[in-house]
């Protein structure tokens, strides 16, 4: 997470977050193909580091992409989504792992990581055409 500001300055917050999401996929494959605990822990810890790397990027980017008056609402939605998603996914993932269904758990993790990266790529990779203040005013029907 300490290198996130430097990388965001060089690439942009959204691009750095998408890059981190893309780097998670090969680590997920490596962890899934590991046969020893050590060979599992290396990609797992690297993947965790990438997730902690992208958390401040995503928060900064999300806060900068909405009108200042809507930041608290956006932050609340993001937090609820994060905690609810973590709780629900842990339940399903744990059920798959406890029943020795490692293949579906591995595939589910990869699909969800790919979906998250694709969503950020689709919605946030391209630069905004209007400044934030004009986007908010335009969305509420005020003249430019």
N, C-alpha and C. Protein backbone atom coordinates (compact mmCIF):
# COMPACT_ATOMS: atom_id res chain seq x y z
N UNK A 1 0.82 -1.19 0.00
CA UNK A 1 0.00 0.00 0.00
C UNK A 1 0.86 1.26 0.00
N UNK A 2 2.11 1.14 0.47
CA UNK A 2 2.97 2.31 0.51
C UNK A 2 3.39 2.78 -0.87
N UNK A 3 3.42 1.88 -1.84
CA UNK A 3 3.81 2.26 -3.20
C UNK A 3 2.62 2.72 -4.04
N UNK A 4 1.41 2.60 -3.51
CA UNK A 4 0.21 2.96 -4.28
C UNK A 4 0.22 4.41 -4.75
N UNK A 5 0.57 5.40 -3.91
CA UNK A 5 0.56 6.78 -4.41
C UNK A 5 1.54 7.02 -5.57
N UNK A 6 2.71 6.40 -5.50
CA UNK A 6 3.69 6.57 -6.57
C UNK A 6 3.17 5.97 -7.87
N UNK A 7 2.64 4.76 -7.80
CA UNK A 7 2.13 4.10 -9.01
C UNK A 7 0.91 4.85 -9.55
N UNK A 8 0.05 5.32 -8.66
CA UNK A 8 -1.13 6.08 -9.11
C UNK A 8 -0.71 7.37 -9.78
N UNK A 9 0.34 8.00 -9.28
CA UNK A 9 0.82 9.24 -9.90
C UNK A 9 1.38 8.96 -11.30
N UNK A 10 2.05 7.83 -11.46
CA UNK A 10 2.64 7.48 -12.75
C UNK A 10 1.61 7.00 -13.77
N UNK A 11 0.64 6.19 -13.32
CA UNK A 11 -0.31 5.58 -14.25
C UNK A 11 -1.71 6.17 -14.19
N UNK A 12 -2.10 6.70 -13.06
CA UNK A 12 -3.49 7.09 -12.80
C UNK A 12 -4.09 6.07 -11.85
N UNK A 13 -4.98 6.50 -11.00
CA UNK A 13 -5.54 5.63 -9.96
C UNK A 13 -6.32 4.45 -10.56
N UNK A 14 -7.16 4.72 -11.54
CA UNK A 14 -7.98 3.65 -12.12
C UNK A 14 -7.10 2.65 -12.87
N UNK A 15 -6.14 3.14 -13.62
CA UNK A 15 -5.27 2.24 -14.37
C UNK A 15 -4.43 1.38 -13.43
N UNK A 16 -3.94 1.96 -12.35
CA UNK A 16 -3.15 1.19 -11.37
C UNK A 16 -4.02 0.13 -10.70
N UNK A 17 -5.27 0.48 -10.39
CA UNK A 17 -6.17 -0.50 -9.78
C UNK A 17 -6.49 -1.64 -10.73
N UNK A 18 -6.73 -1.33 -11.99
CA UNK A 18 -7.01 -2.37 -12.99
C UNK A 18 -5.77 -3.24 -13.19
N UNK A 19 -4.60 -2.64 -13.21
CA UNK A 19 -3.36 -3.42 -13.34
C UNK A 19 -3.21 -4.37 -12.16
N UNK A 20 -3.48 -3.90 -10.94
CA UNK A 20 -3.39 -4.77 -9.76
C UNK A 20 -4.39 -5.91 -9.86
N UNK A 21 -5.60 -5.61 -10.35
CA UNK A 21 -6.60 -6.67 -10.51
C UNK A 21 -6.15 -7.69 -11.55
N UNK A 22 -5.52 -7.22 -12.62
CA UNK A 22 -5.04 -8.13 -13.66
C UNK A 22 -3.90 -9.00 -13.14
N UNK A 23 -3.06 -8.46 -12.27
CA UNK A 23 -1.95 -9.24 -11.72
C UNK A 23 -2.43 -10.29 -10.71
N UNK A 24 -3.62 -10.11 -10.17
CA UNK A 24 -4.17 -11.07 -9.22
C UNK A 24 -4.47 -12.41 -9.92
N UNK A 25 -4.91 -12.36 -11.17
CA UNK A 25 -5.33 -13.59 -11.87
C UNK A 25 -4.21 -14.62 -12.00
N UNK A 26 -3.00 -14.27 -12.46
CA UNK A 26 -1.97 -15.31 -12.51
C UNK A 26 -1.58 -15.83 -11.13
N UNK A 27 -1.65 -14.96 -10.13
CA UNK A 27 -1.36 -15.43 -8.77
C UNK A 27 -2.42 -16.41 -8.30
N UNK A 28 -3.66 -16.16 -8.71
CA UNK A 28 -4.75 -17.07 -8.36
C UNK A 28 -4.53 -18.43 -9.02
N UNK A 29 -4.10 -18.43 -10.27
CA UNK A 29 -3.83 -19.69 -10.97
C UNK A 29 -2.67 -20.42 -10.29
N UNK A 30 -1.60 -19.68 -9.98
CA UNK A 30 -0.44 -20.28 -9.31
C UNK A 30 -0.85 -20.91 -7.98
N UNK A 31 -1.64 -20.20 -7.19
CA UNK A 31 -2.09 -20.75 -5.90
C UNK A 31 -2.95 -21.99 -6.11
N UNK A 32 -3.78 -21.97 -7.14
CA UNK A 32 -4.65 -23.11 -7.40
C UNK A 32 -3.91 -24.34 -7.86
N UNK A 33 -2.78 -24.16 -8.51
CA UNK A 33 -1.99 -25.29 -9.00
C UNK A 33 -0.91 -25.74 -8.03
N UNK A 34 -0.80 -25.08 -6.90
CA UNK A 34 0.23 -25.41 -5.92
C UNK A 34 -0.08 -26.74 -5.24
N UNK A 35 0.99 -27.48 -4.98
CA UNK A 35 0.82 -28.78 -4.33
C UNK A 35 1.41 -28.81 -2.92
N UNK A 36 2.19 -27.79 -2.56
CA UNK A 36 2.74 -27.73 -1.20
C UNK A 36 2.26 -26.45 -0.52
N UNK A 37 2.21 -26.46 0.79
CA UNK A 37 1.77 -25.26 1.50
C UNK A 37 2.63 -24.03 1.19
N UNK A 38 3.94 -24.21 1.07
CA UNK A 38 4.81 -23.07 0.78
C UNK A 38 4.52 -22.50 -0.59
N UNK A 39 4.31 -23.36 -1.57
CA UNK A 39 4.03 -22.88 -2.92
C UNK A 39 2.64 -22.26 -3.01
N UNK A 40 1.77 -22.54 -2.06
CA UNK A 40 0.48 -21.86 -1.99
C UNK A 40 0.62 -20.51 -1.30
N UNK A 41 1.41 -20.45 -0.24
CA UNK A 41 1.50 -19.23 0.56
C UNK A 41 2.16 -18.08 -0.21
N UNK A 42 3.11 -18.37 -1.07
CA UNK A 42 3.79 -17.30 -1.82
C UNK A 42 2.80 -16.53 -2.69
N UNK A 43 2.05 -17.20 -3.58
CA UNK A 43 1.08 -16.41 -4.38
C UNK A 43 -0.06 -15.84 -3.54
N UNK A 44 -0.44 -16.54 -2.47
CA UNK A 44 -1.50 -16.03 -1.62
C UNK A 44 -1.10 -14.71 -0.97
N UNK A 45 0.09 -14.66 -0.42
CA UNK A 45 0.56 -13.43 0.22
C UNK A 45 0.78 -12.31 -0.80
N UNK A 46 1.27 -12.67 -1.98
CA UNK A 46 1.43 -11.66 -3.04
C UNK A 46 0.07 -11.11 -3.47
N UNK A 47 -0.91 -12.00 -3.55
CA UNK A 47 -2.26 -11.58 -3.92
C UNK A 47 -2.86 -10.67 -2.85
N UNK A 48 -2.64 -11.00 -1.60
CA UNK A 48 -3.11 -10.14 -0.51
C UNK A 48 -2.44 -8.77 -0.58
N UNK A 49 -1.15 -8.75 -0.88
CA UNK A 49 -0.43 -7.48 -1.00
C UNK A 49 -1.03 -6.64 -2.13
N UNK A 50 -1.38 -7.26 -3.24
CA UNK A 50 -2.00 -6.52 -4.34
C UNK A 50 -3.37 -5.98 -3.94
N UNK A 51 -4.12 -6.75 -3.17
CA UNK A 51 -5.42 -6.25 -2.72
C UNK A 51 -5.25 -5.05 -1.79
N UNK A 52 -4.28 -5.12 -0.88
CA UNK A 52 -4.04 -3.98 0.00
C UNK A 52 -3.47 -2.79 -0.78
N UNK A 53 -2.76 -3.07 -1.85
CA UNK A 53 -2.24 -2.02 -2.72
C UNK A 53 -3.38 -1.26 -3.39
N UNK A 54 -4.37 -2.00 -3.87
CA UNK A 54 -5.43 -1.36 -4.65
C UNK A 54 -6.52 -0.73 -3.79
N UNK A 55 -6.64 -1.08 -2.52
CA UNK A 55 -7.71 -0.50 -1.70
C UNK A 55 -7.64 1.02 -1.61
N UNK A 56 -6.49 1.65 -1.30
CA UNK A 56 -6.49 3.12 -1.27
C UNK A 56 -6.68 3.73 -2.66
N UNK A 57 -6.24 3.03 -3.69
CA UNK A 57 -6.44 3.53 -5.06
C UNK A 57 -7.92 3.59 -5.40
N UNK A 58 -8.62 2.52 -5.10
CA UNK A 58 -10.04 2.47 -5.42
C UNK A 58 -10.82 3.48 -4.60
N UNK A 59 -10.46 3.63 -3.33
CA UNK A 59 -11.17 4.61 -2.50
C UNK A 59 -10.92 6.04 -2.99
N UNK A 60 -9.67 6.36 -3.30
CA UNK A 60 -9.34 7.69 -3.80
C UNK A 60 -10.01 7.95 -5.13
N UNK A 61 -9.96 6.96 -6.00
CA UNK A 61 -10.57 7.13 -7.32
C UNK A 61 -12.08 7.29 -7.21
N UNK A 62 -12.72 6.48 -6.38
CA UNK A 62 -14.17 6.57 -6.24
C UNK A 62 -14.57 7.92 -5.65
N UNK A 63 -13.83 8.39 -4.65
CA UNK A 63 -14.15 9.68 -4.04
C UNK A 63 -13.96 10.82 -5.03
N UNK A 64 -12.99 10.70 -5.92
CA UNK A 64 -12.76 11.75 -6.90
C UNK A 64 -13.69 11.72 -8.08
N UNK A 65 -14.46 10.64 -8.22
CA UNK A 65 -15.32 10.52 -9.40
C UNK A 65 -16.77 10.92 -9.12
N UNK A 66 -17.07 11.32 -7.89
CA UNK A 66 -18.43 11.76 -7.57
C UNK A 66 -18.39 13.20 -7.07
N UNK A 67 -19.52 13.82 -7.09
CA UNK A 67 -19.65 15.18 -6.58
C UNK A 67 -19.31 15.20 -5.09
N UNK A 68 -18.64 16.24 -4.61
CA UNK A 68 -18.28 16.29 -3.18
C UNK A 68 -19.46 16.09 -2.23
N UNK A 69 -20.65 16.54 -2.61
CA UNK A 69 -21.82 16.37 -1.74
C UNK A 69 -22.27 14.92 -1.67
N UNK A 70 -21.85 14.09 -2.63
CA UNK A 70 -22.28 12.69 -2.67
C UNK A 70 -21.21 11.72 -2.19
N UNK A 71 -20.08 12.23 -1.71
CA UNK A 71 -18.98 11.35 -1.32
C UNK A 71 -19.32 10.46 -0.13
N UNK A 72 -20.01 10.99 0.85
CA UNK A 72 -20.34 10.16 2.02
C UNK A 72 -21.29 9.03 1.63
N UNK A 73 -22.24 9.31 0.74
CA UNK A 73 -23.16 8.27 0.29
C UNK A 73 -22.41 7.21 -0.49
N UNK A 74 -21.51 7.64 -1.39
CA UNK A 74 -20.72 6.70 -2.17
C UNK A 74 -19.85 5.85 -1.25
N UNK A 75 -19.24 6.47 -0.25
CA UNK A 75 -18.38 5.73 0.67
C UNK A 75 -19.19 4.71 1.45
N UNK A 76 -20.39 5.08 1.85
CA UNK A 76 -21.26 4.14 2.57
C UNK A 76 -21.63 2.94 1.70
N UNK A 77 -22.00 3.20 0.46
CA UNK A 77 -22.33 2.11 -0.46
C UNK A 77 -21.13 1.19 -0.67
N UNK A 78 -19.97 1.79 -0.83
CA UNK A 78 -18.76 0.99 -1.06
C UNK A 78 -18.44 0.13 0.14
N UNK A 79 -18.56 0.69 1.34
CA UNK A 79 -18.28 -0.07 2.56
C UNK A 79 -19.28 -1.20 2.75
N UNK A 80 -20.57 -0.91 2.56
CA UNK A 80 -21.59 -1.95 2.69
C UNK A 80 -21.33 -3.06 1.68
N UNK A 81 -21.04 -2.68 0.44
CA UNK A 81 -20.75 -3.67 -0.58
C UNK A 81 -19.54 -4.52 -0.24
N UNK A 82 -18.49 -3.89 0.28
CA UNK A 82 -17.28 -4.61 0.64
C UNK A 82 -17.55 -5.61 1.76
N UNK A 83 -18.17 -5.15 2.85
CA UNK A 83 -18.39 -6.03 3.99
C UNK A 83 -19.45 -7.09 3.71
N UNK A 84 -20.52 -6.73 3.02
CA UNK A 84 -21.54 -7.71 2.69
C UNK A 84 -20.98 -8.75 1.72
N UNK A 85 -20.24 -8.27 0.72
CA UNK A 85 -19.63 -9.20 -0.24
C UNK A 85 -18.64 -10.12 0.43
N UNK A 86 -17.84 -9.58 1.34
CA UNK A 86 -16.87 -10.42 2.05
C UNK A 86 -17.56 -11.48 2.89
N UNK A 87 -18.63 -11.11 3.57
CA UNK A 87 -19.35 -12.06 4.43
C UNK A 87 -20.03 -13.14 3.60
N UNK A 88 -20.72 -12.76 2.54
CA UNK A 88 -21.43 -13.73 1.71
C UNK A 88 -20.45 -14.65 1.00
N UNK A 89 -19.39 -14.06 0.44
CA UNK A 89 -18.43 -14.88 -0.29
C UNK A 89 -17.71 -15.85 0.65
N UNK A 90 -17.38 -15.41 1.86
CA UNK A 90 -16.72 -16.29 2.82
C UNK A 90 -17.60 -17.49 3.15
N UNK A 91 -18.89 -17.28 3.25
CA UNK A 91 -19.82 -18.37 3.54
C UNK A 91 -19.85 -19.39 2.40
N UNK A 92 -20.00 -18.90 1.17
CA UNK A 92 -20.05 -19.81 0.01
C UNK A 92 -18.71 -20.47 -0.23
N UNK A 93 -17.65 -19.68 -0.17
CA UNK A 93 -16.31 -20.21 -0.41
C UNK A 93 -15.95 -21.24 0.66
N UNK A 94 -16.27 -20.93 1.92
CA UNK A 94 -16.00 -21.87 3.00
C UNK A 94 -16.78 -23.17 2.84
N UNK A 95 -18.03 -23.06 2.40
CA UNK A 95 -18.83 -24.26 2.18
C UNK A 95 -18.23 -25.12 1.07
N UNK A 96 -17.74 -24.49 0.01
CA UNK A 96 -17.11 -25.25 -1.07
C UNK A 96 -15.83 -25.93 -0.59
N UNK A 97 -15.02 -25.20 0.15
CA UNK A 97 -13.75 -25.77 0.61
C UNK A 97 -13.96 -26.86 1.65
N UNK A 98 -14.93 -26.69 2.54
CA UNK A 98 -15.15 -27.71 3.58
C UNK A 98 -15.72 -29.00 2.99
N UNK A 99 -16.35 -28.91 1.83
CA UNK A 99 -16.86 -30.12 1.17
C UNK A 99 -15.87 -30.64 0.13
N UNK A 100 -14.64 -30.15 0.18
CA UNK A 100 -13.55 -30.59 -0.72
C UNK A 100 -13.85 -30.29 -2.18
N UNK A 101 -14.59 -29.24 -2.45
CA UNK A 101 -14.87 -28.80 -3.82
C UNK A 101 -13.88 -27.71 -4.19
N UNK A 102 -12.62 -28.10 -4.39
CA UNK A 102 -11.57 -27.12 -4.64
C UNK A 102 -11.64 -26.53 -6.05
N UNK A 103 -12.04 -27.32 -7.01
CA UNK A 103 -12.15 -26.82 -8.38
C UNK A 103 -13.16 -25.69 -8.52
N UNK A 104 -14.41 -25.88 -8.08
CA UNK A 104 -15.37 -24.78 -8.17
C UNK A 104 -14.96 -23.54 -7.36
N UNK A 105 -14.33 -23.75 -6.19
CA UNK A 105 -13.88 -22.60 -5.39
C UNK A 105 -12.81 -21.82 -6.15
N UNK A 106 -11.90 -22.52 -6.78
CA UNK A 106 -10.84 -21.90 -7.56
C UNK A 106 -11.43 -21.14 -8.75
N UNK A 107 -12.35 -21.76 -9.45
CA UNK A 107 -12.98 -21.13 -10.61
C UNK A 107 -13.80 -19.91 -10.18
N UNK A 108 -14.53 -20.03 -9.07
CA UNK A 108 -15.33 -18.91 -8.57
C UNK A 108 -14.44 -17.71 -8.22
N UNK A 109 -13.32 -17.96 -7.59
CA UNK A 109 -12.40 -16.86 -7.25
C UNK A 109 -11.88 -16.18 -8.51
N UNK A 110 -11.48 -16.96 -9.49
CA UNK A 110 -10.98 -16.39 -10.74
C UNK A 110 -12.03 -15.60 -11.49
N UNK A 111 -13.25 -16.13 -11.54
CA UNK A 111 -14.34 -15.45 -12.24
C UNK A 111 -14.67 -14.12 -11.56
N UNK A 112 -14.74 -14.12 -10.23
CA UNK A 112 -15.05 -12.89 -9.51
C UNK A 112 -13.94 -11.85 -9.67
N UNK A 113 -12.68 -12.28 -9.65
CA UNK A 113 -11.57 -11.35 -9.86
C UNK A 113 -11.62 -10.77 -11.28
N UNK A 114 -11.92 -11.61 -12.25
CA UNK A 114 -12.03 -11.13 -13.63
C UNK A 114 -13.21 -10.17 -13.79
N UNK A 115 -14.32 -10.44 -13.13
CA UNK A 115 -15.48 -9.54 -13.19
C UNK A 115 -15.15 -8.18 -12.58
N UNK A 116 -14.47 -8.18 -11.44
CA UNK A 116 -14.11 -6.91 -10.80
C UNK A 116 -13.19 -6.10 -11.70
N UNK A 117 -12.19 -6.73 -12.26
CA UNK A 117 -11.28 -6.02 -13.16
C UNK A 117 -11.98 -5.51 -14.40
N UNK A 118 -12.87 -6.30 -14.96
CA UNK A 118 -13.60 -5.89 -16.15
C UNK A 118 -14.52 -4.71 -15.85
N UNK A 119 -15.18 -4.73 -14.70
CA UNK A 119 -16.07 -3.61 -14.33
C UNK A 119 -15.28 -2.31 -14.20
N UNK A 120 -14.15 -2.36 -13.50
CA UNK A 120 -13.36 -1.14 -13.37
C UNK A 120 -12.80 -0.70 -14.71
N UNK A 121 -12.40 -1.65 -15.53
CA UNK A 121 -11.89 -1.30 -16.85
C UNK A 121 -12.99 -0.63 -17.68
N UNK A 122 -14.18 -1.22 -17.68
CA UNK A 122 -15.27 -0.70 -18.50
C UNK A 122 -15.76 0.67 -18.05
N UNK A 123 -15.84 0.88 -16.74
CA UNK A 123 -16.43 2.12 -16.24
C UNK A 123 -15.43 3.23 -16.00
N UNK A 124 -14.19 2.91 -15.69
CA UNK A 124 -13.28 3.94 -15.20
C UNK A 124 -11.99 4.10 -15.97
N UNK A 125 -11.72 3.28 -16.94
CA UNK A 125 -10.44 3.39 -17.63
C UNK A 125 -10.37 4.65 -18.48
N UNK A 126 -11.42 4.94 -19.19
CA UNK A 126 -11.39 6.12 -20.05
C UNK A 126 -11.61 7.38 -19.22
N UNK A 127 -10.98 8.47 -19.60
CA UNK A 127 -11.13 9.71 -18.82
C UNK A 127 -12.53 10.29 -18.96
N UNK A 128 -12.95 11.00 -17.94
CA UNK A 128 -14.27 11.64 -17.95
C UNK A 128 -14.27 12.77 -18.97
N UNK A 129 -15.40 12.98 -19.61
CA UNK A 129 -15.48 14.03 -20.62
C UNK A 129 -15.82 15.38 -20.00
N UNK A 130 -16.47 15.39 -18.83
CA UNK A 130 -16.83 16.63 -18.16
C UNK A 130 -16.18 16.67 -16.78
N UNK A 131 -15.83 17.85 -16.29
CA UNK A 131 -15.36 17.95 -14.91
C UNK A 131 -16.46 17.51 -13.95
N UNK A 132 -16.07 17.13 -12.74
CA UNK A 132 -17.04 16.61 -11.76
C UNK A 132 -18.17 17.58 -11.52
N UNK A 133 -17.87 18.87 -11.35
CA UNK A 133 -18.93 19.84 -11.06
C UNK A 133 -19.92 19.92 -12.22
N UNK A 134 -19.45 19.86 -13.45
CA UNK A 134 -20.36 19.92 -14.60
C UNK A 134 -21.13 18.61 -14.76
N UNK A 135 -20.50 17.46 -14.44
CA UNK A 135 -21.21 16.19 -14.54
C UNK A 135 -22.39 16.17 -13.59
N UNK A 136 -22.17 16.63 -12.35
CA UNK A 136 -23.24 16.63 -11.37
C UNK A 136 -24.36 17.59 -11.78
N UNK A 137 -24.00 18.78 -12.22
CA UNK A 137 -25.01 19.75 -12.64
C UNK A 137 -25.77 19.25 -13.86
N UNK A 138 -25.06 18.64 -14.80
CA UNK A 138 -25.68 18.13 -16.01
C UNK A 138 -26.64 16.98 -15.67
N UNK A 139 -26.24 16.12 -14.72
CA UNK A 139 -27.09 14.99 -14.34
C UNK A 139 -28.37 15.44 -13.65
N UNK A 140 -28.32 16.60 -12.96
CA UNK A 140 -29.49 17.10 -12.27
C UNK A 140 -30.31 18.06 -13.12
N UNK A 141 -29.96 18.23 -14.40
CA UNK A 141 -30.75 19.02 -15.32
C UNK A 141 -30.46 20.51 -15.31
N UNK A 142 -29.37 20.93 -14.65
CA UNK A 142 -29.01 22.34 -14.65
C UNK A 142 -28.27 22.68 -15.94
N UNK A 143 -28.43 23.91 -16.43
CA UNK A 143 -27.69 24.29 -17.66
C UNK A 143 -26.20 24.37 -17.37
N UNK A 144 -25.40 24.19 -18.42
CA UNK A 144 -23.93 24.23 -18.29
C UNK A 144 -23.43 25.62 -17.98
